[in-house]
Amino acid sequence: MAPVNHSASLEEGEVPLDANFVQQYEEPQVLRIVRLTVFAIIMLGSLVGNTVVIRAVVRAKGFKTVTYFLICNLALAEIVSSSCLPFMQAYDDLASWPFSDAMCHLINPLQLTAGIVVTTSITAIAMNRCLLVVRPRLHGSSSCTVGAFCLNLIIWASAFVIAMPSFIYMTKIPSANKDGKFWCVTLFPGDAIENGYPSSRVRTLITLHLILNYAVPITLTIISYSVVIAKLKFQSQVAVAHIVRYAYDNTETQTERFEMSNESCQREKKESERRSTETPNETPAFGPKTDPKQENPAPRDELRENESDLLRMFYAIVVIFIVCYLPYQTFFMLEYMGQLSWKNWEYFSVTRKFLYLLTCCPSALHPICYGMMSRFYYKAFAKLVLCK
């Protein structure tokens, strides 16, 4: 996912108009090679893995739930985001925007749009799973292809609307240091680099993007899965209580029968022997009788069985989301609020590079989660990788 309205370049942070800043730690060449190699692996893994995910959903026959279409939408967004990564990485390494102004208006906002779609899709999946657990009767209606397609369109349209200011106001401008380099930054009418960047309007936009792209989705996702866990736990407790109650009632019934009078026992025994002699294959009357309706006393928990693989997979996705995005988002907000910059910390540049690399990991890790935790996607990856 793209940083919120931000490129990986240092120049989009608090721009220094003088040379009075801390000398930055120079990244060793070996470390740089390792970082770029990992970046290439992540990008390749994301493109290949998410393509397989989409292909598996499109080619699958039979029943398809809304969840699978949302996963397909998530994979598409991650492909779009990964396609923008080489441009952002070039911007970071060159410390200058080497592409055209049109590309400046397109690349970063497009990556921001894809990032919003990613987080929104994860949230939509969580809320959908929550709804199906709370309202199991909706399972039959969860296979509506048209509804799922419309939902995906709404997610993309909403993301474009949220990112529209970036599409409009991202601008390629000469570096304030007059060193022949260029920056690709959000610049509203009336704003100027010389007057201090980012302006209050840019800070407001960044904060809004952070709330809509990170805070709201992760909050709704955690709430949804908390409800799912609580509901499944409650269902499990009810099932256990039902089993215990059935065993207790069965024991009570047998105890009452064994407390019958001797005369009644003898009469029942003679009657049983007579029936056994006349009809050997007939079931004896004495002893606990099995009620066909109570043969399996525990309520059928088909919902929990069907959802177990997907729930484990989505829990992993949420953990990846938090671990990979939270450090950079925290760093990012400290930078744009003027609390942290390359003026006051010598490891600012190299730390930011690796935190940004961390935000690229989910797009490659998500397909791995699908393949390891879902039989459906495991078969799709096995056909491609193992030629099964």
Protein backbone atom coordinates (compact mmCIF):
# COMPACT_ATOMS: atom_id res chain seq x y z
CA MET A 1 0.00 0.00 0.00
CA ALA A 2 1.23 3.49 -0.78
CA PRO A 3 2.10 5.80 2.05
CA VAL A 4 -0.71 8.21 2.72
CA ASN A 5 -0.33 10.95 0.14
CA HIS A 6 3.38 10.52 0.33
CA SER A 7 6.19 9.23 -1.82
CA ALA A 8 9.17 7.35 -0.50
CA SER A 9 11.36 10.36 -1.22
CA LEU A 10 12.76 12.48 1.55
CA GLU A 11 11.91 15.62 -0.33
CA GLU A 12 8.22 15.41 0.48
CA GLY A 13 8.83 15.82 4.17
CA GLU A 14 9.75 18.97 6.03
CA VAL A 15 11.79 20.67 3.30
CA PRO A 16 14.95 22.39 4.54
CA LEU A 17 15.68 25.79 3.08
CA ASP A 18 19.16 25.88 4.57
CA ALA A 19 22.03 23.52 5.30
CA ASN A 20 21.51 23.55 9.07
CA PHE A 21 20.44 19.95 9.51
CA VAL A 22 22.03 16.80 10.89
CA GLN A 23 24.27 14.91 8.49
CA GLN A 24 22.38 11.80 7.50
CA TYR A 25 23.77 8.33 8.05
CA GLU A 26 24.90 6.97 4.70
CA GLU A 27 23.39 3.59 3.90
CA PRO A 28 26.14 1.00 3.26
CA GLN A 29 26.24 -0.36 -0.26
CA VAL A 30 25.71 -3.96 0.91
CA LEU A 31 22.64 -2.93 2.90
CA ARG A 32 21.29 -1.04 -0.09
CA ILE A 33 21.72 -4.10 -2.33
CA VAL A 34 19.92 -6.27 0.22
CA ARG A 35 17.08 -3.76 0.50
CA LEU A 36 16.61 -3.48 -3.26
CA THR A 37 16.79 -7.27 -3.66
CA VAL A 38 14.08 -7.74 -1.03
CA PHE A 39 12.05 -5.03 -2.75
CA ALA A 40 12.29 -6.85 -6.09
CA ILE A 41 11.25 -10.16 -4.49
CA ILE A 42 8.28 -8.49 -2.81
CA MET A 43 7.14 -6.83 -6.01
CA LEU A 44 7.50 -10.05 -8.04
CA GLY A 45 5.77 -12.11 -5.36
CA SER A 46 2.90 -9.64 -5.20
CA LEU A 47 2.36 -9.55 -8.96
CA VAL A 48 2.53 -13.33 -9.41
CA GLY A 49 0.72 -14.31 -6.22
CA ASN A 50 -2.19 -11.91 -6.59
CA THR A 51 -2.57 -12.80 -10.27
CA VAL A 52 -2.98 -16.46 -9.25
CA VAL A 53 -5.56 -15.44 -6.64
CA ILE A 54 -7.65 -13.56 -9.20
CA ARG A 55 -7.30 -16.37 -11.72
CA ALA A 56 -8.44 -18.94 -9.15
CA VAL A 57 -11.60 -16.96 -8.35
CA VAL A 58 -12.44 -16.22 -11.99
CA ARG A 59 -11.97 -19.81 -13.15
CA ALA A 60 -13.66 -21.44 -10.16
CA LYS A 61 -16.95 -23.13 -10.98
CA GLY A 62 -20.02 -23.37 -8.83
CA PHE A 63 -20.70 -21.56 -5.58
CA LYS A 64 -18.87 -18.24 -5.03
CA THR A 65 -19.47 -16.10 -1.99
CA VAL A 66 -19.08 -12.36 -1.59
CA THR A 67 -15.90 -13.04 0.35
CA TYR A 68 -14.14 -14.53 -2.65
CA PHE A 69 -15.04 -11.51 -4.79
CA LEU A 70 -13.73 -9.18 -2.09
CA ILE A 71 -10.48 -11.16 -1.93
CA CYS A 72 -10.28 -10.84 -5.71
CA ASN A 73 -10.79 -7.08 -5.35
CA LEU A 74 -8.07 -6.95 -2.68
CA ALA A 75 -5.67 -8.84 -4.98
CA LEU A 76 -6.41 -6.47 -7.89
CA ALA A 77 -5.69 -3.43 -5.71
CA GLU A 78 -2.40 -4.94 -4.57
CA ILE A 79 -1.39 -5.56 -8.19
CA VAL A 80 -2.09 -1.90 -8.99
CA SER A 81 -0.14 -0.76 -5.93
CA SER A 82 2.81 -3.05 -6.75
CA SER A 83 2.89 -1.74 -10.33
CA CYS A 84 3.52 1.75 -8.93
CA LEU A 85 6.36 0.65 -6.65
CA PRO A 86 9.21 0.85 -9.23
CA PHE A 87 8.40 4.54 -9.84
CA MET A 88 8.30 5.28 -6.12
CA GLN A 89 11.54 3.38 -5.54
CA ALA A 90 13.26 5.35 -8.30
CA TYR A 91 12.04 8.56 -6.67
CA ASP A 92 13.51 7.42 -3.36
CA ASP A 93 16.91 6.33 -4.69
CA LEU A 94 17.42 9.36 -6.94
CA ALA A 95 16.02 11.81 -4.38
CA SER A 96 14.35 13.45 -7.36
CA TRP A 97 11.25 12.85 -9.50
CA PRO A 98 12.70 11.83 -12.89
CA PHE A 99 9.35 11.35 -14.62
CA SER A 100 6.91 13.77 -16.22
CA ASP A 101 4.43 16.03 -14.47
CA ALA A 102 1.59 13.83 -15.78
CA MET A 103 3.17 10.82 -14.07
CA CYS A 104 3.43 12.87 -10.88
CA HIS A 105 -0.33 13.48 -11.06
CA LEU A 106 -0.95 9.77 -11.64
CA ILE A 107 1.46 7.44 -9.82
CA ASN A 108 1.29 8.47 -6.17
CA PRO A 109 -2.48 9.16 -6.19
CA LEU A 110 -3.09 5.85 -7.96
CA GLN A 111 -1.08 4.03 -5.32
CA LEU A 112 -3.02 5.90 -2.64
CA THR A 113 -6.28 4.81 -4.32
CA ALA A 114 -5.14 1.18 -4.41
CA GLY A 115 -4.12 1.41 -0.75
CA ILE A 116 -7.58 2.66 0.22
CA VAL A 117 -9.16 -0.21 -1.74
CA VAL A 118 -6.90 -2.68 0.09
CA THR A 119 -7.84 -1.46 3.58
CA THR A 120 -11.53 -1.06 2.65
CA SER A 121 -11.67 -4.57 1.17
CA ILE A 122 -10.11 -6.05 4.32
CA THR A 123 -12.72 -4.20 6.38
CA ALA A 124 -15.56 -5.29 4.08
CA ILE A 125 -14.43 -8.92 4.39
CA ALA A 126 -14.37 -8.63 8.19
CA MET A 127 -17.82 -7.06 8.32
CA ASN A 128 -19.20 -9.66 5.89
CA ARG A 129 -17.85 -12.54 7.99
CA CYS A 130 -19.31 -10.89 11.10
CA LEU A 131 -22.71 -10.55 9.44
CA LEU A 132 -22.73 -14.19 8.34
CA VAL A 133 -21.82 -15.41 11.81
CA VAL A 134 -24.42 -13.23 13.52
CA ARG A 135 -27.06 -13.95 10.84
CA PRO A 136 -26.38 -17.49 9.55
CA ARG A 137 -29.55 -17.44 7.43
CA LEU A 138 -27.84 -14.94 5.11
CA HIS A 139 -25.47 -17.66 3.84
CA GLY A 140 -27.80 -18.46 0.98
CA SER A 141 -27.85 -14.86 -0.21
CA SER A 142 -24.09 -14.38 0.11
CA SER A 143 -23.45 -15.79 -3.36
CA CYS A 144 -24.97 -12.85 -5.24
CA THR A 145 -22.46 -12.12 -8.01
CA VAL A 146 -24.11 -8.88 -9.08
CA GLY A 147 -24.19 -7.57 -5.52
CA ALA A 148 -20.53 -8.43 -4.97
CA PHE A 149 -19.55 -6.76 -8.24
CA CYS A 150 -21.47 -3.60 -7.29
CA LEU A 151 -19.82 -3.59 -3.87
CA ASN A 152 -16.37 -3.73 -5.46
CA LEU A 153 -17.28 -0.87 -7.79
CA ILE A 154 -18.45 1.22 -4.84
CA ILE A 155 -15.17 0.56 -3.02
CA TRP A 156 -13.11 1.68 -6.03
CA ALA A 157 -15.31 4.74 -6.67
CA SER A 158 -15.07 5.81 -3.02
CA ALA A 159 -11.29 5.39 -3.10
CA PHE A 160 -11.00 7.57 -6.20
CA VAL A 161 -13.13 10.27 -4.58
CA ILE A 162 -10.99 10.27 -1.43
CA ALA A 163 -7.78 10.42 -3.50
CA MET A 164 -9.10 13.03 -5.95
CA PRO A 165 -7.32 16.02 -4.31
CA SER A 166 -4.03 14.17 -4.81
CA PHE A 167 -4.82 13.49 -8.48
CA ILE A 168 -5.49 17.20 -8.95
CA TYR A 169 -2.85 18.88 -6.81
CA MET A 170 0.17 16.56 -6.99
CA THR A 171 2.74 18.69 -8.84
CA LYS A 172 6.28 18.36 -10.12
CA ILE A 173 8.30 21.35 -8.92
CA PRO A 174 12.00 22.29 -8.77
CA SER A 175 13.81 21.55 -5.54
CA ALA A 176 13.90 24.42 -3.05
CA ASN A 177 17.64 23.86 -2.74
CA LYS A 178 18.12 24.83 -6.42
CA ASP A 179 20.19 21.72 -7.05
CA GLY A 180 18.55 20.73 -10.34
CA LYS A 181 16.33 18.09 -8.75
CA PHE A 182 12.55 17.90 -8.76
CA TRP A 183 9.94 16.97 -6.18
CA CYS A 184 6.50 15.49 -6.64
CA VAL A 185 4.37 16.99 -3.87
CA THR A 186 0.81 18.05 -3.08
CA LEU A 187 0.65 21.79 -3.58
CA PHE A 188 -2.66 23.62 -3.18
CA PRO A 189 -3.29 26.96 -4.94
CA GLY A 190 -1.53 29.70 -3.01
CA ASP A 191 0.92 27.32 -1.35
CA ALA A 192 4.64 27.63 -1.99
CA ILE A 193 7.66 25.64 -0.94
CA GLU A 194 9.40 28.82 0.18
CA ASN A 195 6.58 29.63 2.62
CA GLY A 196 7.04 26.38 4.50
CA TYR A 197 5.91 22.91 3.51
CA PRO A 198 3.64 21.17 4.23
CA SER A 199 1.00 23.87 4.64
CA SER A 200 -1.89 23.55 7.08
CA ARG A 201 -4.19 22.46 4.25
CA VAL A 202 -1.81 19.70 3.22
CA ARG A 203 -1.50 18.56 6.83
CA THR A 204 -5.31 18.43 7.09
CA LEU A 205 -5.54 16.36 3.92
CA ILE A 206 -2.86 13.98 5.16
CA THR A 207 -4.64 13.56 8.50
CA LEU A 208 -7.94 12.88 6.72
CA HIS A 209 -6.31 10.27 4.50
CA LEU A 210 -4.71 8.63 7.52
CA ILE A 211 -8.05 8.42 9.32
CA LEU A 212 -9.95 7.05 6.31
CA ASN A 213 -7.17 4.79 5.08
CA TYR A 214 -5.95 3.36 8.37
CA ALA A 215 -7.70 4.35 11.61
CA VAL A 216 -11.31 3.70 10.54
CA PRO A 217 -10.64 0.42 8.65
CA ILE A 218 -8.53 -1.15 11.39
CA THR A 219 -11.05 -0.14 14.06
CA LEU A 220 -14.00 -1.63 12.16
CA THR A 221 -12.00 -4.75 11.36
CA ILE A 222 -11.03 -5.36 14.99
CA ILE A 223 -14.62 -4.77 16.14
CA SER A 224 -16.00 -7.16 13.51
CA TYR A 225 -13.63 -10.00 14.35
CA SER A 226 -14.16 -9.43 18.06
CA VAL A 227 -17.89 -9.98 17.49
CA VAL A 228 -17.11 -13.10 15.43
CA ILE A 229 -14.90 -14.54 18.18
CA ALA A 230 -17.48 -13.74 20.85
CA LYS A 231 -20.29 -15.29 18.80
CA LEU A 232 -18.36 -18.49 18.05
CA LYS A 233 -17.33 -18.76 21.69
CA PHE A 234 -20.95 -18.39 22.75
CA GLN A 235 -22.04 -21.06 20.26
CA SER A 236 -19.36 -23.39 21.62
CA GLN A 237 -20.50 -22.82 25.20
CA VAL A 238 -24.12 -23.49 24.22
CA ALA A 239 -23.11 -26.72 22.48
CA VAL A 240 -21.14 -27.92 25.53
CA ALA A 241 -24.02 -27.03 27.86
CA HIS A 242 -26.42 -28.96 25.63
CA ILE A 243 -24.19 -32.04 25.70
CA VAL A 244 -23.87 -31.87 29.51
CA ARG A 245 -27.61 -31.41 29.93
CA TYR A 246 -28.35 -34.36 27.65
CA ALA A 247 -25.92 -36.60 29.55
CA TYR A 248 -27.45 -35.52 32.85
CA ASP A 249 -31.02 -36.14 31.69
CA ASN A 250 -30.03 -39.57 30.33
CA THR A 251 -28.43 -40.50 33.66
CA GLU A 252 -31.49 -39.35 35.59
CA THR A 253 -33.75 -41.47 33.39
CA GLN A 254 -31.66 -44.57 33.90
CA THR A 255 -31.53 -44.00 37.66
CA GLU A 256 -35.29 -43.75 37.88
CA ARG A 257 -35.66 -47.00 35.97
CA PHE A 258 -33.27 -48.84 38.26
CA GLU A 259 -35.26 -47.64 41.25
CA MET A 260 -38.38 -49.48 40.11
CA SER A 261 -39.95 -51.92 42.59
CA ASN A 262 -38.85 -55.57 42.51
CA GLU A 263 -42.27 -56.64 41.40
CA SER A 264 -42.25 -54.23 38.48
CA CYS A 265 -38.74 -55.32 37.56
CA GLN A 266 -39.72 -58.97 37.51
CA ARG A 267 -42.82 -58.29 35.46
CA GLU A 268 -40.81 -56.21 33.00
CA LYS A 269 -38.17 -58.93 32.80
CA LYS A 270 -40.70 -61.69 32.06
CA GLU A 271 -42.34 -59.55 29.42
CA SER A 272 -38.96 -58.89 27.86
CA GLU A 273 -38.09 -62.59 27.81
CA ARG A 274 -41.42 -63.44 26.22
CA ARG A 275 -40.91 -60.87 23.48
CA SER A 276 -37.37 -62.07 22.94
CA THR A 277 -38.62 -65.63 22.45
CA GLU A 278 -41.38 -64.68 20.08
CA THR A 279 -39.52 -62.02 18.08
CA PRO A 280 -35.75 -62.39 18.54
CA ASN A 281 -34.91 -59.44 16.33
CA GLU A 282 -37.19 -57.05 18.14
CA THR A 283 -35.56 -54.39 20.26
CA PRO A 284 -35.89 -55.06 24.04
CA ALA A 285 -38.16 -52.70 25.89
CA PHE A 286 -35.92 -52.48 28.93
CA GLY A 287 -33.01 -50.11 28.90
CA PRO A 288 -32.43 -46.61 27.63
CA LYS A 289 -34.29 -45.90 24.45
CA THR A 290 -32.59 -43.87 21.75
CA ASP A 291 -34.52 -40.97 20.34
CA PRO A 292 -33.58 -40.48 16.69
CA LYS A 293 -33.89 -36.76 17.15
CA GLN A 294 -31.39 -36.90 20.01
CA GLU A 295 -28.90 -39.24 18.36
CA ASN A 296 -26.58 -36.27 17.91
CA PRO A 297 -27.45 -34.02 20.85
CA ALA A 298 -24.99 -31.27 20.01
CA PRO A 299 -26.40 -28.69 17.59
CA ARG A 300 -24.83 -28.82 14.19
CA ASP A 301 -22.07 -26.24 14.02
CA GLU A 302 -21.68 -26.17 10.27
CA LEU A 303 -21.10 -22.44 10.24
CA ARG A 304 -18.02 -22.71 12.45
CA GLU A 305 -16.62 -25.56 10.37
CA ASN A 306 -17.12 -23.72 7.09
CA GLU A 307 -15.68 -20.48 8.40
CA SER A 308 -12.66 -21.83 10.30
CA ASP A 309 -10.16 -21.73 7.43
CA LEU A 310 -11.26 -18.31 6.22
CA LEU A 311 -11.32 -16.85 9.72
CA ARG A 312 -7.78 -18.02 10.48
CA MET A 313 -6.64 -16.58 7.17
CA PHE A 314 -8.28 -13.22 7.84
CA TYR A 315 -6.86 -13.05 11.35
CA ALA A 316 -3.40 -13.46 9.82
CA ILE A 317 -4.16 -10.74 7.26
CA VAL A 318 -5.20 -8.32 10.01
CA VAL A 319 -2.04 -9.04 12.02
CA ILE A 320 0.10 -8.47 8.91
CA PHE A 321 -1.78 -5.26 8.24
CA ILE A 322 -1.11 -3.87 11.72
CA VAL A 323 2.51 -5.00 11.99
CA CYS A 324 3.53 -3.74 8.54
CA TYR A 325 1.65 -0.43 8.44
CA LEU A 326 1.60 0.88 12.00
CA PRO A 327 5.36 1.63 12.31
CA TYR A 328 5.47 3.63 9.08
CA GLN A 329 2.21 5.47 9.74
CA THR A 330 3.52 6.51 13.16
CA PHE A 331 6.83 7.62 11.66
CA PHE A 332 4.98 9.40 8.86
CA MET A 333 2.74 11.43 11.17
CA LEU A 334 5.67 12.40 13.39
CA GLU A 335 7.44 13.67 10.28
CA TYR A 336 4.54 15.65 8.86
CA MET A 337 3.66 17.15 12.21
CA GLY A 338 7.21 18.48 12.49
CA GLN A 339 8.27 16.25 15.39
CA LEU A 340 10.77 14.21 13.40
CA SER A 341 12.84 15.11 10.35
CA TRP A 342 16.22 14.77 8.75
CA LYS A 343 17.15 17.98 10.54
CA ASN A 344 17.18 16.40 14.00
CA TRP A 345 17.96 12.67 13.55
CA GLU A 346 20.88 11.23 11.61
CA TYR A 347 19.14 7.88 10.95
CA PHE A 348 15.98 9.49 9.62
CA SER A 349 16.65 8.68 5.96
CA VAL A 350 17.68 5.04 6.30
CA THR A 351 14.96 4.29 8.88
CA ARG A 352 12.30 5.69 6.61
CA LYS A 353 13.54 3.62 3.67
CA PHE A 354 13.18 0.36 5.57
CA LEU A 355 9.86 1.27 7.16
CA TYR A 356 8.53 2.04 3.70
CA LEU A 357 9.85 -1.32 2.50
CA LEU A 358 7.91 -2.92 5.35
CA THR A 359 4.66 -1.41 4.03
CA CYS A 360 5.28 -3.19 0.71
CA CYS A 361 5.37 -6.64 2.36
CA PRO A 362 1.61 -7.28 2.82
CA SER A 363 0.94 -7.40 -0.93
CA ALA A 364 3.34 -10.36 -1.18
CA LEU A 365 2.42 -11.96 2.16
CA HIS A 366 -1.33 -12.01 1.54
CA PRO A 367 -1.17 -14.58 -1.32
CA ILE A 368 1.04 -16.75 0.89
CA CYS A 369 -1.62 -16.64 3.62
CA TYR A 370 -4.27 -17.62 1.07
CA GLY A 371 -2.23 -20.58 -0.12
CA MET A 372 -1.28 -21.82 3.35
CA MET A 373 -4.62 -21.38 5.11
CA SER A 374 -7.23 -22.00 2.43
CA ARG A 375 -7.63 -25.29 0.56
CA PHE A 376 -9.22 -23.45 -2.34
CA TYR A 377 -6.19 -21.22 -2.94
CA TYR A 378 -3.74 -23.97 -2.04
CA LYS A 379 -4.99 -25.99 -5.01
CA ALA A 380 -4.64 -22.96 -7.27
CA PHE A 381 -1.04 -22.34 -6.20
CA ALA A 382 -0.23 -26.05 -6.37
CA LYS A 383 -1.33 -26.18 -10.00
CA LEU A 384 0.97 -23.27 -10.84
CA VAL A 385 4.02 -24.04 -8.69
CA LEU A 386 3.90 -27.82 -8.37
CA CYS A 387 2.12 -28.45 -11.67
CA LYS A 388 -0.38 -30.69 -9.85
